[in-house]
C-alpha cells in the first residue's frame, strides 16, 4: 500500500510539468524579433511564456518593411480550470 501511494504521489506531480513555447519564423531568416517591446532574438526563434493571452510582435530586418502584429496564445482544453 505504501508503494502504491508513493507512485501515485510521484505521478501526480509529474503531470503538472508543461513547457509553453512560441515559435516565430520569417522569410528571409534573420529578422530581429520584439515581443511586447522586449527584444527576444533573430528568426527563427523559440521563446517560453507563462501566461496565455495577447502578445504584440514586431519583426525588423534591414532592407525590409517592419512587420507589427498582435498574436494570441490559446489555452488548450486540458489546461482550463475545472
C-alpha atoms as a PDB file:
ATOM      1  CA  UNK A   1       0.000   0.000   0.000  1.00  0.00           C
ATOM      2  CA  UNK A   2       2.838   2.384   0.844  1.00  0.00           C
ATOM      3  CA  UNK A   3       4.434   1.818  -2.575  1.00  0.00           C
ATOM      4  CA  UNK A   4       1.155   2.492  -4.360  1.00  0.00           C
ATOM      5  CA  UNK A   5       0.781   5.815  -2.547  1.00  0.00           C
ATOM      6  CA  UNK A   6       4.373   6.748  -3.393  1.00  0.00           C
ATOM      7  CA  UNK A   7       3.828   6.010  -7.087  1.00  0.00           C
ATOM      8  CA  UNK A   8       0.567   7.949  -7.095  1.00  0.00           C
ATOM      9  CA  UNK A   9       2.267  10.915  -5.409  1.00  0.00           C
ATOM     10  CA  UNK A  10       5.139  10.979  -7.939  1.00  0.00           C
ATOM     11  CA  UNK A  11       2.809  10.620 -10.950  1.00  0.00           C
ATOM     12  CA  UNK A  12       0.579  13.430  -9.730  1.00  0.00           C
ATOM     13  CA  UNK A  13       3.444  15.917  -9.651  1.00  0.00           C
ATOM     14  CA  UNK A  14       4.943  14.737 -12.948  1.00  0.00           C
ATOM     15  CA  UNK A  15       1.714  15.506 -14.799  1.00  0.00           C
ATOM     16  CA  UNK A  16       1.892  19.184 -13.851  1.00  0.00           C
ATOM     17  CA  UNK A  17       5.039  19.962 -15.848  1.00  0.00           C
ATOM     18  CA  UNK A  18       4.238  21.832 -19.059  1.00  0.00           C
ATOM     19  CA  UNK A  19       6.632  23.852 -21.197  1.00  0.00           C
ATOM     20  CA  UNK A  20       4.797  26.556 -23.135  1.00  0.00           C
ATOM     21  CA  UNK A  21       6.640  27.993 -26.134  1.00  0.00           C
ATOM     22  CA  UNK A  22       6.070  30.397 -29.001  1.00  0.00           C
ATOM     23  CA  UNK A  23       7.975  29.862 -32.264  1.00  0.00           C
ATOM     24  CA  UNK A  24       8.475  32.777 -34.667  1.00  0.00           C
ATOM     25  CA  UNK A  25       9.890  32.433 -38.189  1.00  0.00           C
ATOM     26  CA  UNK A  26      10.311  34.777 -41.131  1.00  0.00           C
ATOM     27  CA  UNK A  27      11.204  34.642 -44.785  1.00  0.00           C
ATOM     28  CA  UNK A  28      14.055  35.570 -45.110  1.00  0.00           C
ATOM     29  CA  UNK A  29      15.515  34.414 -41.800  1.00  0.00           C
ATOM     30  CA  UNK A  30      17.420  36.757 -39.537  1.00  0.00           C
ATOM     31  CA  UNK A  31      14.736  39.330 -38.726  1.00  0.00           C
ATOM     32  CA  UNK A  32      15.048  40.950 -35.303  1.00  0.00           C
ATOM     33  CA  UNK A  33      12.062  39.931 -33.138  1.00  0.00           C
ATOM     34  CA  UNK A  34      10.462  42.041 -30.418  1.00  0.00           C
ATOM     35  CA  UNK A  35       7.671  40.616 -28.224  1.00  0.00           C
ATOM     36  CA  UNK A  36       5.807  43.094 -26.003  1.00  0.00           C
ATOM     37  CA  UNK A  37       8.578  45.663 -26.633  1.00  0.00           C
ATOM     38  CA  UNK A  38      11.305  43.256 -25.464  1.00  0.00           C
ATOM     39  CA  UNK A  39      13.982  42.069 -27.898  1.00  0.00           C
ATOM     40  CA  UNK A  40      13.991  38.245 -27.950  1.00  0.00           C
ATOM     41  CA  UNK A  41      16.396  37.395 -30.780  1.00  0.00           C
ATOM     42  CA  UNK A  42      16.510  36.770 -34.519  1.00  0.00           C
ATOM     43  CA  UNK A  43      14.312  34.444 -36.529  1.00  0.00           C
ATOM     44  CA  UNK A  44      13.854  31.585 -36.285  1.00  0.00           C
ATOM     45  CA  UNK A  45      13.373  31.947 -32.536  1.00  0.00           C
ATOM     46  CA  UNK A  46      11.515  29.959 -29.878  1.00  0.00           C
ATOM     47  CA  UNK A  47      10.727  31.512 -26.516  1.00  0.00           C
ATOM     48  CA  UNK A  48       8.894  30.361 -23.450  1.00  0.00           C
ATOM     49  CA  UNK A  49       5.878  32.070 -21.934  1.00  0.00           C
ATOM     50  CA  UNK A  50       3.911  31.788 -18.711  1.00  0.00           C
ATOM     51  CA  UNK A  51       0.532  33.376 -19.396  1.00  0.00           C
ATOM     52  CA  UNK A  52      -1.889  32.732 -22.249  1.00  0.00           C
ATOM     53  CA  UNK A  53      -3.247  35.808 -23.954  1.00  0.00           C
ATOM     54  CA  UNK A  54      -2.291  38.664 -26.256  1.00  0.00           C
ATOM     55  CA  UNK A  55       1.274  39.359 -27.418  1.00  0.00           C
ATOM     56  CA  UNK A  56       2.491  42.293 -29.544  1.00  0.00           C
ATOM     57  CA  UNK A  57       5.048  41.053 -32.096  1.00  0.00           C
ATOM     58  CA  UNK A  58       7.362  43.199 -34.218  1.00  0.00           C
ATOM     59  CA  UNK A  59       9.870  41.956 -36.823  1.00  0.00           C
ATOM     60  CA  UNK A  60      12.565  44.207 -38.287  1.00  0.00           C
ATOM     61  CA  UNK A  61      15.206  43.491 -40.928  1.00  0.00           C
ATOM     62  CA  UNK A  62      17.427  45.885 -42.870  1.00  0.00           C
ATOM     63  CA  UNK A  63      16.035  46.481 -46.346  1.00  0.00           C
ATOM     64  CA  UNK A  64      12.597  45.118 -45.408  1.00  0.00           C
ATOM     65  CA  UNK A  65       9.446  46.816 -44.197  1.00  0.00           C
ATOM     66  CA  UNK A  66       8.880  46.228 -40.453  1.00  0.00           C
ATOM     67  CA  UNK A  67       6.009  43.905 -39.546  1.00  0.00           C
ATOM     68  CA  UNK A  68       3.902  44.684 -36.479  1.00  0.00           C
ATOM     69  CA  UNK A  69       1.078  42.385 -35.435  1.00  0.00           C
ATOM     70  CA  UNK A  70      -0.800  41.019 -32.450  1.00  0.00           C
ATOM     71  CA  UNK A  71      -0.810  37.285 -31.745  1.00  0.00           C
ATOM     72  CA  UNK A  72      -2.877  35.293 -29.276  1.00  0.00           C
ATOM     73  CA  UNK A  73      -1.894  32.153 -27.425  1.00  0.00           C
ATOM     74  CA  UNK A  74      -4.864  29.869 -26.899  1.00  0.00           C
ATOM     75  CA  UNK A  75      -5.374  27.886 -23.710  1.00  0.00           C
ATOM     76  CA  UNK A  76      -5.691  24.164 -24.536  1.00  0.00           C
ATOM     77  CA  UNK A  77      -8.742  22.354 -23.189  1.00  0.00           C
ATOM     78  CA  UNK A  78      -6.670  20.290 -20.737  1.00  0.00           C
ATOM     79  CA  UNK A  79      -5.237  23.431 -19.111  1.00  0.00           C
ATOM     80  CA  UNK A  80      -8.594  25.054 -18.309  1.00  0.00           C
ATOM     81  CA  UNK A  81      -9.638  25.297 -14.653  1.00  0.00           C
ATOM     82  CA  UNK A  82     -12.347  22.892 -13.611  1.00  0.00           C
END
